[in-house]
Amino acid sequence: MNARRQMTGVNPIYAISLLGLWAVGVGGFPCDKPPLQGSTACDTTKSLDVRAAYIVSQLETAEKMVLFGNAAGSVPRLNIDGYNWWSEGLHGVADSPGVSFASPTPAATSFPQVITTSASFNKTLFRAISTVISTEARAMNNAGHAGLSYWTPNINLIRDPRWGRGQETPGEDPMGTAIYAAEFVPGMQVGEDPTHLKTSACCKHYYGYDMENWGGVDRHHFNAIITLQDEADTYLPAFHSCVVNGNASGMMCSYNAVNGTPSCANSRIMTDFARTAWGFDGYITSDCQAVAAVNEDHKYADPDETCRDVLEAGMDSDCGQFLGQHLSTSISNGVTPMTAVDTALQHLFQMQVRFGEFDPVSEQPYLNYSYKTDLNTPANQLLALQAARESVVLLKNDGAAFPLDPKAFPTVAVVGPNANATTVMQGNYYGPATYLISPLTGIGKYVTTTYAEGCDIGCSSQSGFAAATEAASQADATVLVVGISTEQEGEMNDRTSIALPGYQEQLMTAVLSAAKGPVMVVVMAGGSVDFTVAKQSPQAK
């Protein structure tokens, strides 16, 4: 999208379409020439809904059918290019179908995972981070390497510490999560241009979603039973805040059902709550393959009825292929009315107008953002460092042992399965960073280090314990880095226990017993883990 600007040595009007993004083709953008040129679609004095309604009115039925997937097709007759709605920006612009980290945009600023940042309790920081993410997203979009619709933030609650995706969220508290949403979303969407969205933020996953695959039930089949009180007190406040206080322009309905109704077919939550009661004025996408789940997993409706149910409930875009495969037949069979189709397209084209796709370049200051000046800058990297410093939680510091004085502790043993970790620190939904500094590398900048892994993250063997305990017994101080990684937690991967994996607890006990000096135990994890051993040990400071 908007690949027309800031491409070195290329006239912006002739930039090429990349990645299936809504980009300017050889012939220009939709309002450059007939049939839309000079029409209501391109009249900036008209309201969003009037302009979008005009665009929808010009579409033929067959043209409408290609517009409902996340990888929306093109309408060549109207000079409308394809667009991929799926870009990720959870804690920095991230790998996703709508994003490319090819040259000249090989990396973006990588901020701490959300569960970490939320521990800062710093509302200003939340918005500062999302402001940088949206600036970098616009810069990448101007290079033709990213979309403008970002499926972030994840504001589901951690109802069980073993949930694999808890790392993506602000935590377990409805109020804290609501505050995060209210601050993060404006940073994504609001900038110096009052007319256009900087980018779009998407409140996900709506709602009652907090498990992946546990006890023989996965998220595609799960039916959450939620009382009205728990709904009001627990599950809805963050989404209400995301819409009302954050003014989010996107929402995502979730895989699961609630009280028997799949979320993507639930008119009560999408239309009655979000649009009518809260005033939501944006687009609603399904999670990926969640529309198919309405039919195939929840057995809620047949294919024709599923198309009707999700559109009439208030969903607008299908991340997947279900509508593309079945919607035309559903319409032909008289099941899905064209009014439901047009309402969804109205919401989608309102978003495109808000992005600036039908407006003059001269009226869009965001088109001046450049990967050369706005992407992964030193200032952005310093903000990421600030976020990490403010978010690290110190659980124990007996005798004010830390921070360690390099003069008093000139040698440090750096041991444990995460002692030399790099990409583990980024969690999930991340993009490539310019550099990653492991604990071992970072500590080695200040003191002489000895390194012993002890065991890998799964810690199925104790064969490396001797090297770890030997290093700890000789060094002036020890930094023991344990924890988990995406091997233990992540999308479609819940844990069954909060214990450290394998023999990690035994490694901790052995190192604490052997260490000559104080031991700093560092836990690197997205979800909660039990490290009672370190808490109770006098050697662990």
Protein backbone atom coordinates (compact mmCIF):
# COMPACT_ATOMS: atom_id res chain seq x y z
CA MET A 1 0.00 0.00 0.00
CA ASN A 2 1.15 3.51 -0.80
CA ALA A 3 4.35 2.24 -2.33
CA ARG A 4 4.24 5.44 -4.34
CA ARG A 5 6.32 7.49 -1.96
CA GLN A 6 9.89 7.80 -0.89
CA MET A 7 11.40 5.23 -3.24
CA THR A 8 14.87 6.40 -4.23
CA GLY A 9 15.24 7.14 -7.90
CA VAL A 10 11.65 6.15 -8.74
CA ASN A 11 8.83 8.50 -9.59
CA PRO A 12 6.32 7.74 -6.82
CA ILE A 13 3.45 7.61 -9.30
CA TYR A 14 5.10 4.61 -10.96
CA ALA A 15 6.00 2.53 -7.89
CA ILE A 16 5.22 -1.15 -8.25
CA SER A 17 2.76 -3.23 -6.27
CA LEU A 18 4.51 -5.46 -3.75
CA LEU A 19 3.41 -8.32 -1.49
CA GLY A 20 -0.22 -8.05 -2.53
CA LEU A 21 -0.40 -4.78 -0.60
CA TRP A 22 -2.72 -2.03 -1.67
CA ALA A 23 -0.03 -0.25 -3.64
CA VAL A 24 0.07 2.18 -6.48
CA GLY A 25 0.46 0.45 -9.81
CA VAL A 26 1.86 1.70 -13.08
CA GLY A 27 -1.36 3.55 -13.84
CA GLY A 28 -1.44 5.41 -10.53
CA PHE A 29 -3.88 5.08 -7.66
CA PRO A 30 -7.68 4.77 -7.99
CA CYS A 31 -8.47 8.46 -8.23
CA ASP A 32 -5.81 9.15 -10.87
CA LYS A 33 -8.01 8.22 -13.79
CA PRO A 34 -11.53 7.15 -14.76
CA PRO A 35 -13.84 5.68 -13.79
CA LEU A 36 -13.32 6.90 -10.20
CA GLN A 37 -11.45 10.11 -11.04
CA GLY A 38 -13.61 13.10 -10.17
CA SER A 39 -16.28 10.90 -8.62
CA THR A 40 -17.81 10.91 -5.15
CA ALA A 41 -15.19 8.35 -4.12
CA CYS A 42 -12.46 10.94 -4.62
CA ASP A 43 -14.32 13.97 -3.24
CA THR A 44 -12.60 14.81 0.05
CA THR A 45 -15.48 17.13 1.01
CA LYS A 46 -17.80 14.13 1.33
CA SER A 47 -18.09 12.00 4.45
CA LEU A 48 -16.37 8.65 4.84
CA ASP A 49 -19.56 6.68 4.64
CA VAL A 50 -20.76 8.48 1.51
CA ARG A 51 -17.43 7.94 -0.27
CA ALA A 52 -17.22 4.29 0.74
CA ALA A 53 -20.85 3.67 -0.23
CA TYR A 54 -20.16 5.07 -3.69
CA ILE A 55 -17.21 2.72 -4.18
CA VAL A 56 -19.30 -0.27 -3.13
CA SER A 57 -22.08 0.82 -5.50
CA GLN A 58 -19.66 0.65 -8.42
CA LEU A 59 -18.63 -2.95 -7.76
CA GLU A 60 -20.02 -5.86 -9.69
CA THR A 61 -20.95 -9.00 -7.77
CA ALA A 62 -17.98 -11.00 -9.02
CA GLU A 63 -15.63 -8.17 -8.05
CA LYS A 64 -17.04 -8.14 -4.53
CA MET A 65 -16.29 -11.80 -4.01
CA VAL A 66 -12.48 -11.31 -4.13
CA LEU A 67 -12.42 -8.64 -1.43
CA PHE A 68 -13.24 -10.65 1.70
CA GLY A 69 -10.03 -12.54 2.45
CA ASN A 70 -7.10 -11.10 4.36
CA ALA A 71 -5.29 -11.18 1.02
CA ALA A 72 -7.99 -9.16 -0.73
CA GLY A 73 -7.95 -9.26 -4.51
CA SER A 74 -7.82 -6.40 -6.96
CA VAL A 75 -10.53 -4.69 -9.02
CA PRO A 76 -8.66 -3.72 -12.20
CA ARG A 77 -11.71 -2.07 -13.76
CA LEU A 78 -11.67 0.53 -10.96
CA ASN A 79 -7.86 0.66 -10.68
CA ILE A 80 -8.09 -0.81 -7.18
CA ASP A 81 -5.10 -2.99 -6.33
CA GLY A 82 -5.06 -5.95 -3.96
CA TYR A 83 -4.34 -5.50 -0.28
CA ASN A 84 -3.21 -7.78 2.53
CA TRP A 85 -4.98 -6.80 5.75
CA TRP A 86 -2.67 -8.97 7.87
CA SER A 87 0.30 -7.07 9.28
CA GLU A 88 1.61 -7.64 12.80
CA GLY A 89 3.06 -5.11 15.24
CA LEU A 90 2.71 -6.57 18.73
CA HIS A 91 6.02 -5.19 20.07
CA GLY A 92 7.53 -3.88 16.86
CA VAL A 93 6.71 -4.36 13.21
CA ALA A 94 6.75 -8.15 12.84
CA ASP A 95 7.00 -10.93 10.30
CA SER A 96 3.56 -11.46 8.76
CA PRO A 97 1.97 -11.84 5.33
CA GLY A 98 1.68 -8.08 4.90
CA VAL A 99 5.27 -7.29 5.94
CA SER A 100 8.58 -7.82 4.16
CA PHE A 101 11.98 -7.40 5.77
CA ALA A 102 13.79 -7.47 2.45
CA SER A 103 16.15 -4.66 1.52
CA PRO A 104 15.88 -1.72 2.08
CA THR A 105 13.89 -2.55 5.25
CA PRO A 106 15.79 -5.51 6.75
CA ALA A 107 14.91 -4.84 10.40
CA ALA A 108 12.65 -2.87 12.72
CA THR A 109 13.01 -1.77 16.32
CA SER A 110 12.27 -4.71 18.61
CA PHE A 111 10.66 -3.74 21.90
CA PRO A 112 10.25 -6.00 24.94
CA GLN A 113 7.42 -8.51 24.77
CA VAL A 114 4.12 -7.03 25.99
CA ILE A 115 4.00 -8.98 29.26
CA THR A 116 7.34 -7.37 30.11
CA THR A 117 6.45 -3.83 29.09
CA SER A 118 3.23 -3.95 31.09
CA ALA A 119 5.27 -4.59 34.23
CA SER A 120 6.58 -1.02 33.95
CA PHE A 121 3.08 0.31 34.77
CA ASN A 122 4.09 3.30 32.66
CA LYS A 123 1.21 4.58 30.53
CA THR A 124 3.44 7.08 28.79
CA LEU A 125 5.77 4.28 27.76
CA PHE A 126 2.92 2.22 26.29
CA ARG A 127 1.98 5.06 23.97
CA ALA A 128 5.58 5.97 23.16
CA ILE A 129 6.24 2.41 21.99
CA SER A 130 3.16 2.20 19.79
CA THR A 131 3.97 5.62 18.33
CA VAL A 132 7.37 4.32 17.20
CA ILE A 133 5.81 1.12 15.85
CA SER A 134 3.33 3.08 13.74
CA THR A 135 6.02 5.46 12.50
CA GLU A 136 8.21 2.56 11.40
CA ALA A 137 5.17 0.84 9.88
CA ARG A 138 4.41 3.92 7.80
CA ALA A 139 8.04 4.18 6.71
CA MET A 140 8.00 0.54 5.63
CA ASN A 141 4.64 1.03 3.93
CA ASN A 142 6.08 3.91 1.96
CA ALA A 143 8.75 1.51 0.71
CA GLY A 144 6.09 -1.00 -0.31
CA HIS A 145 7.10 -3.41 2.46
CA ALA A 146 4.21 -3.27 4.92
CA GLY A 147 0.49 -2.71 5.16
CA LEU A 148 -1.35 -0.20 7.31
CA SER A 149 -3.69 -2.51 9.25
CA TYR A 150 -1.91 -4.02 12.27
CA TRP A 151 -3.47 -6.81 14.28
CA THR A 152 -2.39 -5.54 17.66
CA PRO A 153 -2.87 -5.25 20.64
CA ASN A 154 -3.69 -8.63 22.14
CA ILE A 155 -5.85 -7.72 25.13
CA ASN A 156 -7.07 -11.11 26.27
CA LEU A 157 -6.57 -11.85 29.94
CA ILE A 158 -4.29 -14.47 31.43
CA ARG A 159 -6.80 -16.65 33.24
CA ASP A 160 -4.29 -19.49 33.68
CA PRO A 161 -0.52 -18.96 33.86
CA ARG A 162 0.02 -21.98 31.62
CA TRP A 163 -1.67 -20.32 28.62
CA GLY A 164 0.80 -20.27 25.74
CA ARG A 165 -0.02 -16.76 24.54
CA GLY A 166 0.01 -14.96 27.87
CA GLN A 167 3.34 -13.42 26.86
CA GLU A 168 1.54 -11.36 24.20
CA THR A 169 -0.81 -9.71 26.67
CA PRO A 170 -0.54 -7.06 29.40
CA GLY A 171 -1.45 -9.65 32.04
CA GLU A 172 -4.29 -10.95 34.15
CA ASP A 173 -5.86 -7.70 35.36
CA PRO A 174 -8.91 -6.30 33.51
CA MET A 175 -8.18 -2.72 34.60
CA GLY A 176 -4.49 -2.85 33.76
CA THR A 177 -5.24 -4.36 30.36
CA ALA A 178 -7.90 -1.73 29.71
CA ILE A 179 -5.40 1.03 30.48
CA TYR A 180 -2.81 -0.55 28.18
CA ALA A 181 -5.32 -0.68 25.33
CA ALA A 182 -6.39 2.92 25.86
CA GLU A 183 -2.79 4.12 25.58
CA PHE A 184 -1.39 1.75 22.96
CA VAL A 185 -4.10 2.24 20.33
CA PRO A 186 -3.83 6.04 19.92
CA GLY A 187 -0.08 5.71 19.43
CA MET A 188 -0.76 3.37 16.52
CA GLN A 189 -3.45 5.49 14.94
CA VAL A 190 -2.95 9.18 15.72
CA GLY A 191 -0.26 11.53 14.44
CA GLU A 192 0.11 14.92 12.84
CA ASP A 193 -2.58 14.26 10.23
CA PRO A 194 -6.08 14.63 11.74
CA THR A 195 -7.78 13.33 8.60
CA HIS A 196 -6.07 10.00 8.03
CA LEU A 197 -5.14 7.03 10.17
CA LYS A 198 -1.43 6.72 10.77
CA THR A 199 -2.02 2.96 10.94
CA SER A 200 -4.94 0.89 12.19
CA ALA A 201 -4.87 -0.94 15.52
CA CYS A 202 -6.98 -4.06 16.05
CA CYS A 203 -8.35 -5.16 19.44
CA LYS A 204 -8.01 -8.94 19.60
CA HIS A 205 -9.19 -11.62 20.26
CA TYR A 206 -12.84 -10.79 20.91
CA TYR A 207 -13.63 -12.54 23.28
CA GLY A 208 -13.26 -15.20 26.00
CA TYR A 209 -10.09 -16.52 24.39
CA ASP A 210 -7.39 -17.79 26.75
CA MET A 211 -6.40 -21.32 25.79
CA GLU A 212 -4.64 -22.98 22.88
CA ASN A 213 -4.64 -26.74 23.16
CA TRP A 214 -5.15 -28.28 26.55
CA GLY A 215 -6.72 -31.41 27.90
CA GLY A 216 -7.78 -32.65 24.47
CA VAL A 217 -9.58 -29.44 23.50
CA ASP A 218 -8.13 -26.84 21.17
CA ARG A 219 -9.07 -23.21 20.57
CA HIS A 220 -11.00 -24.02 17.38
CA HIS A 221 -13.44 -26.21 19.31
CA PHE A 222 -13.48 -24.54 22.72
CA ASN A 223 -16.79 -23.23 24.06
CA ALA A 224 -16.20 -20.83 26.96
CA ILE A 225 -19.02 -20.75 29.49
CA ILE A 226 -19.10 -17.19 30.84
CA THR A 227 -21.64 -15.69 33.23
CA LEU A 228 -23.00 -12.21 32.68
CA GLN A 229 -21.17 -10.95 35.74
CA ASP A 230 -17.83 -12.46 34.70
CA GLU A 231 -18.36 -11.09 31.21
CA ALA A 232 -18.93 -7.58 32.54
CA ASP A 233 -16.26 -7.67 35.24
CA THR A 234 -13.54 -9.63 33.47
CA TYR A 235 -13.81 -10.26 29.75
CA LEU A 236 -15.28 -7.07 28.27
CA PRO A 237 -13.60 -4.11 30.06
CA ALA A 238 -10.40 -4.22 27.99
CA PHE A 239 -12.33 -4.35 24.70
CA HIS A 240 -14.66 -1.59 25.84
CA SER A 241 -11.64 0.55 26.69
CA CYS A 242 -9.92 -0.32 23.42
CA VAL A 243 -12.93 0.98 21.48
CA VAL A 244 -14.25 3.80 23.67
CA ASN A 245 -11.02 5.20 25.14
CA GLY A 246 -8.58 4.11 22.46
CA ASN A 247 -10.93 4.67 19.50
CA ALA A 248 -9.64 1.52 17.80
CA SER A 249 -10.45 1.15 14.12
CA GLY A 250 -10.16 -2.64 14.05
CA MET A 251 -11.33 -5.66 16.02
CA MET A 252 -10.77 -9.40 15.61
CA CYS A 253 -13.30 -12.06 16.52
CA SER A 254 -11.78 -15.14 18.09
CA TYR A 255 -11.72 -18.88 17.34
CA ASN A 256 -13.69 -20.00 20.34
CA ALA A 257 -17.38 -19.96 21.05
CA VAL A 258 -18.94 -18.31 24.09
CA ASN A 259 -21.98 -19.95 25.63
CA GLY A 260 -22.56 -21.93 22.44
CA THR A 261 -22.13 -19.17 19.85
CA PRO A 262 -18.87 -18.87 17.88
CA SER A 263 -17.40 -15.43 18.37
CA CYS A 264 -17.32 -14.66 14.64
CA ALA A 265 -21.06 -15.39 14.40
CA ASN A 266 -21.99 -13.51 17.56
CA SER A 267 -24.05 -10.42 16.72
CA ARG A 268 -24.45 -9.63 20.41
CA ILE A 269 -20.77 -8.86 20.88
CA MET A 270 -19.90 -7.44 17.45
CA THR A 271 -23.03 -5.44 16.64
CA ASP A 272 -24.97 -4.91 19.87
CA PHE A 273 -21.95 -4.23 22.07
CA ALA A 274 -19.15 -2.96 19.83
CA ARG A 275 -20.96 -1.01 17.15
CA THR A 276 -24.21 0.03 18.83
CA ALA A 277 -23.37 0.43 22.53
CA TRP A 278 -19.70 1.42 22.26
CA GLY A 279 -19.79 3.33 18.98
CA PHE A 280 -17.19 1.23 17.16
CA ASP A 281 -16.69 2.59 13.64
CA GLY A 282 -14.14 0.36 11.97
CA TYR A 283 -13.74 -3.10 10.49
CA ILE A 284 -13.89 -6.52 12.13
CA THR A 285 -11.72 -9.35 10.86
CA SER A 286 -11.87 -12.95 11.88
CA ASP A 287 -8.87 -14.69 13.33
CA CYS A 288 -7.25 -16.89 10.72
CA GLN A 289 -9.51 -19.82 9.78
CA ALA A 290 -12.00 -18.80 12.47
CA VAL A 291 -14.81 -18.51 9.90
CA ALA A 292 -14.09 -22.05 8.74
CA ALA A 293 -14.20 -23.08 12.41
CA VAL A 294 -17.81 -21.86 12.67
CA ASN A 295 -18.76 -24.54 10.17
CA GLU A 296 -16.12 -27.24 10.48
CA ASP A 297 -15.19 -27.26 14.19
CA HIS A 298 -18.12 -25.77 16.10
CA LYS A 299 -20.65 -27.38 13.70
CA TYR A 300 -22.73 -24.26 14.20
CA ALA A 301 -23.99 -23.89 10.62
CA ASP A 302 -23.58 -25.27 7.13
CA PRO A 303 -21.32 -23.41 4.64
CA ASP A 304 -24.10 -21.25 3.18
CA GLU A 305 -25.44 -20.36 6.61
CA THR A 306 -21.95 -19.69 7.97
CA CYS A 307 -21.37 -17.02 5.31
CA ARG A 308 -24.64 -15.38 6.25
CA ASP A 309 -24.21 -15.70 9.98
CA VAL A 310 -20.75 -14.14 10.20
CA LEU A 311 -21.58 -11.20 7.93
CA GLU A 312 -24.94 -10.49 9.53
CA ALA A 313 -23.33 -10.75 12.98
CA GLY A 314 -20.99 -7.89 12.08
CA MET A 315 -17.78 -9.46 10.79
CA ASP A 316 -16.33 -7.84 7.67
CA SER A 317 -13.18 -9.70 6.61
CA ASP A 318 -12.24 -13.38 6.69
CA CYS A 319 -8.62 -14.18 7.48
CA GLY A 320 -8.71 -17.31 5.41
CA GLN A 321 -10.44 -18.67 2.34
CA PHE A 322 -13.87 -19.71 3.58
CA LEU A 323 -15.84 -16.74 2.24
CA GLY A 324 -13.86 -16.83 -0.96
CA GLN A 325 -14.86 -20.44 -1.45
CA HIS A 326 -18.48 -20.33 -0.30
CA LEU A 327 -19.91 -16.79 -0.34
CA SER A 328 -20.87 -16.69 -4.03
CA THR A 329 -22.78 -19.95 -3.71
CA SER A 330 -24.47 -18.77 -0.53
CA ILE A 331 -25.68 -15.67 -2.34
CA SER A 332 -26.84 -17.68 -5.36
CA ASN A 333 -28.76 -20.02 -3.06
CA GLY A 334 -30.57 -17.06 -1.53
CA VAL A 335 -29.07 -17.57 1.92
CA THR A 336 -26.74 -14.57 2.28
CA PRO A 337 -28.39 -11.27 1.30
CA MET A 338 -26.41 -8.73 -0.72
CA THR A 339 -27.16 -6.14 1.95
CA ALA A 340 -24.92 -8.06 4.38
CA VAL A 341 -22.18 -8.24 1.75
CA ASP A 342 -22.37 -4.53 1.02
CA THR A 343 -22.38 -3.56 4.69
CA ALA A 344 -19.10 -5.42 5.24
CA LEU A 345 -17.55 -3.88 2.12
CA GLN A 346 -18.70 -0.46 3.30
CA HIS A 347 -16.67 -0.93 6.49
CA LEU A 348 -13.62 -2.13 4.56
CA PHE A 349 -13.63 0.74 2.08
CA GLN A 350 -14.17 3.27 4.86
CA MET A 351 -10.87 2.01 6.22
CA GLN A 352 -9.17 2.46 2.86
CA VAL A 353 -10.44 6.01 2.63
CA ARG A 354 -9.13 6.66 6.15
CA PHE A 355 -5.75 5.30 5.06
CA GLY A 356 -5.66 7.89 2.26
CA GLU A 357 -5.97 5.54 -0.70
CA PHE A 358 -8.47 7.79 -2.44
CA ASP A 359 -6.98 11.15 -1.46
CA PRO A 360 -4.41 13.46 -3.07
CA VAL A 361 -0.80 12.83 -2.13
CA SER A 362 -0.39 16.51 -1.24
CA GLU A 363 -2.87 16.11 1.63
CA GLN A 364 -1.06 13.21 3.31
CA PRO A 365 1.95 14.09 5.49
CA TYR A 366 2.46 10.43 6.42
CA LEU A 367 3.67 9.85 2.87
CA ASN A 368 6.83 11.75 3.81
CA TYR A 369 7.95 9.06 6.27
CA SER A 370 11.03 7.22 5.03
CA TYR A 371 12.92 4.08 5.96
CA LYS A 372 16.05 6.22 5.67
CA THR A 373 15.09 8.56 8.50
CA ASP A 374 12.32 6.86 10.51
CA LEU A 375 13.09 3.14 10.67
CA ASN A 376 15.11 1.56 13.49
CA THR A 377 16.70 4.87 14.46
CA PRO A 378 19.09 5.34 17.41
CA ALA A 379 16.30 7.16 19.27
CA ASN A 380 13.94 4.23 18.72
CA GLN A 381 16.56 1.78 19.96
CA LEU A 382 17.08 3.90 23.06
CA LEU A 383 13.35 3.77 23.74
CA ALA A 384 13.50 -0.03 23.50
CA LEU A 385 16.36 0.00 26.01
CA GLN A 386 14.39 2.29 28.31
CA ALA A 387 11.41 -0.04 28.08
CA ALA A 388 13.55 -3.02 29.05
CA ARG A 389 15.10 -1.19 31.99
CA GLU A 390 11.74 0.00 33.31
CA SER A 391 10.10 -3.40 32.90
CA VAL A 392 12.58 -5.83 34.47
CA VAL A 393 11.20 -7.02 37.81
CA LEU A 394 13.57 -7.46 40.73
CA LEU A 395 12.01 -10.04 43.04
CA LYS A 396 14.83 -10.39 45.53
CA ASN A 397 17.94 -8.42 46.50
CA ASP A 398 19.12 -9.58 49.90
CA GLY A 399 21.71 -7.28 51.39
CA ALA A 400 21.50 -4.97 48.38
CA ALA A 401 23.87 -7.32 46.56
CA PHE A 402 22.90 -5.98 43.16
CA PRO A 403 23.86 -4.33 40.94
CA LEU A 404 27.17 -6.13 41.00
CA ASP A 405 30.28 -3.98 41.28
CA PRO A 406 32.75 -5.06 38.53
CA LYS A 407 35.66 -4.17 40.78
CA ALA A 408 34.40 -6.35 43.60
CA PHE A 409 33.36 -9.19 41.28
CA PRO A 410 35.82 -9.20 38.36
CA THR A 411 34.94 -12.74 37.28
CA VAL A 412 31.40 -13.91 36.70
CA ALA A 413 30.14 -17.36 35.75
CA VAL A 414 27.25 -17.03 33.29
CA VAL A 415 25.44 -20.35 33.27
CA GLY A 416 22.11 -21.90 32.42
CA PRO A 417 20.02 -22.81 29.36
CA ASN A 418 19.15 -19.19 28.58
CA ALA A 419 22.53 -17.69 29.46
CA ASN A 420 23.47 -17.26 25.81
CA ALA A 421 19.94 -16.80 24.47
CA THR A 422 19.17 -14.25 21.76
CA THR A 423 15.98 -14.77 19.75
CA VAL A 424 14.34 -16.33 22.82
CA MET A 425 14.22 -12.83 24.28
CA GLN A 426 11.93 -11.63 21.49
CA GLY A 427 9.15 -14.05 22.39
CA ASN A 428 6.71 -14.41 19.48
CA TYR A 429 5.27 -12.09 16.83
CA TYR A 430 8.53 -10.30 16.25
CA GLY A 431 10.57 -8.99 13.36
CA PRO A 432 14.32 -9.24 12.84
CA ALA A 433 16.28 -6.89 15.06
CA THR A 434 19.48 -5.13 14.00
CA TYR A 435 21.30 -6.95 16.78
CA LEU A 436 20.57 -9.21 19.74
CA ILE A 437 22.73 -9.19 22.86
CA SER A 438 22.65 -12.31 25.01
CA PRO A 439 23.19 -12.17 28.79
CA LEU A 440 26.63 -13.69 28.25
CA THR A 441 27.65 -11.07 25.71
CA GLY A 442 26.27 -8.20 27.74
CA ILE A 443 27.92 -9.21 31.00
CA GLY A 444 31.16 -9.88 29.14
CA LYS A 445 31.42 -6.19 28.29
CA TYR A 446 32.08 -5.39 31.95
CA VAL A 447 33.81 -8.39 33.51
CA THR A 448 35.64 -11.60 32.66
CA THR A 449 33.13 -14.38 32.13
CA THR A 450 33.10 -18.15 32.06
CA TYR A 451 30.18 -19.86 30.36
CA ALA A 452 28.50 -23.22 30.85
CA GLU A 453 25.05 -24.04 29.49
CA GLY A 454 24.39 -26.76 32.06
CA CYS A 455 21.60 -28.10 29.86
CA ASP A 456 19.44 -26.97 26.97
CA ILE A 457 16.04 -25.40 27.51
CA GLY A 458 14.28 -28.75 27.77
CA CYS A 459 16.96 -29.92 30.24
CA SER A 460 16.43 -33.61 29.70
CA SER A 461 20.01 -34.47 30.73
CA GLN A 462 22.26 -33.58 33.69
CA SER A 463 25.47 -34.33 31.81
CA GLY A 464 26.39 -30.64 31.61
CA PHE A 465 25.82 -29.88 35.29
CA ALA A 466 29.45 -30.50 36.28
CA ALA A 467 30.73 -27.77 34.00
CA ALA A 468 28.12 -25.35 35.35
CA THR A 469 28.89 -26.05 38.99
CA GLU A 470 32.64 -25.88 38.34
CA ALA A 471 32.26 -22.45 36.75
CA ALA A 472 30.14 -21.22 39.66
CA SER A 473 32.61 -22.56 42.22
CA GLN A 474 35.50 -20.62 40.70
CA ALA A 475 33.90 -17.27 39.84
CA ASP A 476 33.46 -14.29 42.15
CA ALA A 477 29.75 -14.20 41.29
CA THR A 478 27.34 -16.25 39.20
CA VAL A 479 24.48 -15.30 36.93
CA LEU A 480 22.21 -18.30 36.41
CA VAL A 481 19.72 -17.80 33.55
CA VAL A 482 16.87 -20.31 33.50
CA GLY A 483 13.36 -20.25 32.12
CA ILE A 484 11.36 -21.36 29.13
CA SER A 485 11.12 -20.56 25.44
CA THR A 486 8.69 -20.93 22.56
CA GLU A 487 9.40 -24.66 22.75
CA GLN A 488 7.33 -24.74 25.94
CA GLU A 489 4.80 -21.95 25.34
CA GLY A 490 3.31 -20.23 22.33
CA GLU A 491 0.44 -20.29 19.89
CA MET A 492 -1.25 -23.71 19.96
CA ASN A 493 1.09 -24.68 22.80
CA ASP A 494 -0.13 -24.48 26.40
CA ARG A 495 1.90 -25.84 29.29
CA THR A 496 0.58 -28.38 31.76
CA SER A 497 2.73 -27.12 34.64
CA ILE A 498 4.42 -23.94 35.83
CA ALA A 499 7.51 -25.91 36.88
CA LEU A 500 10.77 -25.20 35.08
CA PRO A 501 11.32 -27.72 32.26
CA GLY A 502 13.14 -30.99 32.82
CA TYR A 503 16.00 -30.86 35.34
CA GLN A 504 16.31 -27.06 35.45
CA GLU A 505 15.31 -26.94 39.12
CA GLN A 506 18.01 -29.49 39.92
CA LEU A 507 20.51 -27.40 37.95
CA MET A 508 19.53 -24.39 40.00
CA THR A 509 20.01 -26.32 43.25
CA ALA A 510 23.40 -27.63 42.15
CA VAL A 511 24.70 -24.23 41.07
CA LEU A 512 23.44 -22.51 44.21
CA SER A 513 25.18 -25.13 46.36
CA ALA A 514 28.48 -24.92 44.47
CA ALA A 515 28.76 -21.18 43.96
CA LYS A 516 31.63 -19.36 45.64
CA GLY A 517 29.95 -15.97 45.53
CA PRO A 518 26.48 -14.48 45.26
CA VAL A 519 24.16 -15.89 42.62
CA MET A 520 21.78 -13.82 40.56
CA VAL A 521 19.00 -16.04 39.25
CA VAL A 522 17.45 -14.63 36.09
CA VAL A 523 14.20 -16.08 34.83
CA MET A 524 13.59 -15.58 31.12
CA ALA A 525 9.99 -16.51 30.36
CA GLY A 526 6.72 -15.18 29.03
CA GLY A 527 4.48 -17.17 31.35
CA SER A 528 4.85 -17.66 35.07
CA VAL A 529 7.24 -20.28 36.44
CA ASP A 530 7.85 -21.67 39.91
CA PHE A 531 11.30 -20.83 41.23
CA THR A 532 10.74 -21.40 44.95
CA VAL A 533 14.22 -22.89 45.16
CA ALA A 534 15.83 -19.54 44.33
CA LYS A 535 13.48 -17.62 46.58
CA GLN A 536 14.34 -19.76 49.60
CA SER A 537 18.07 -20.11 48.99
CA PRO A 538 20.32 -17.70 50.96
CA GLN A 539 22.88 -18.04 48.18
CA ALA A 540 20.44 -16.56 45.64
CA LYS A 541 20.57 -12.89 46.32
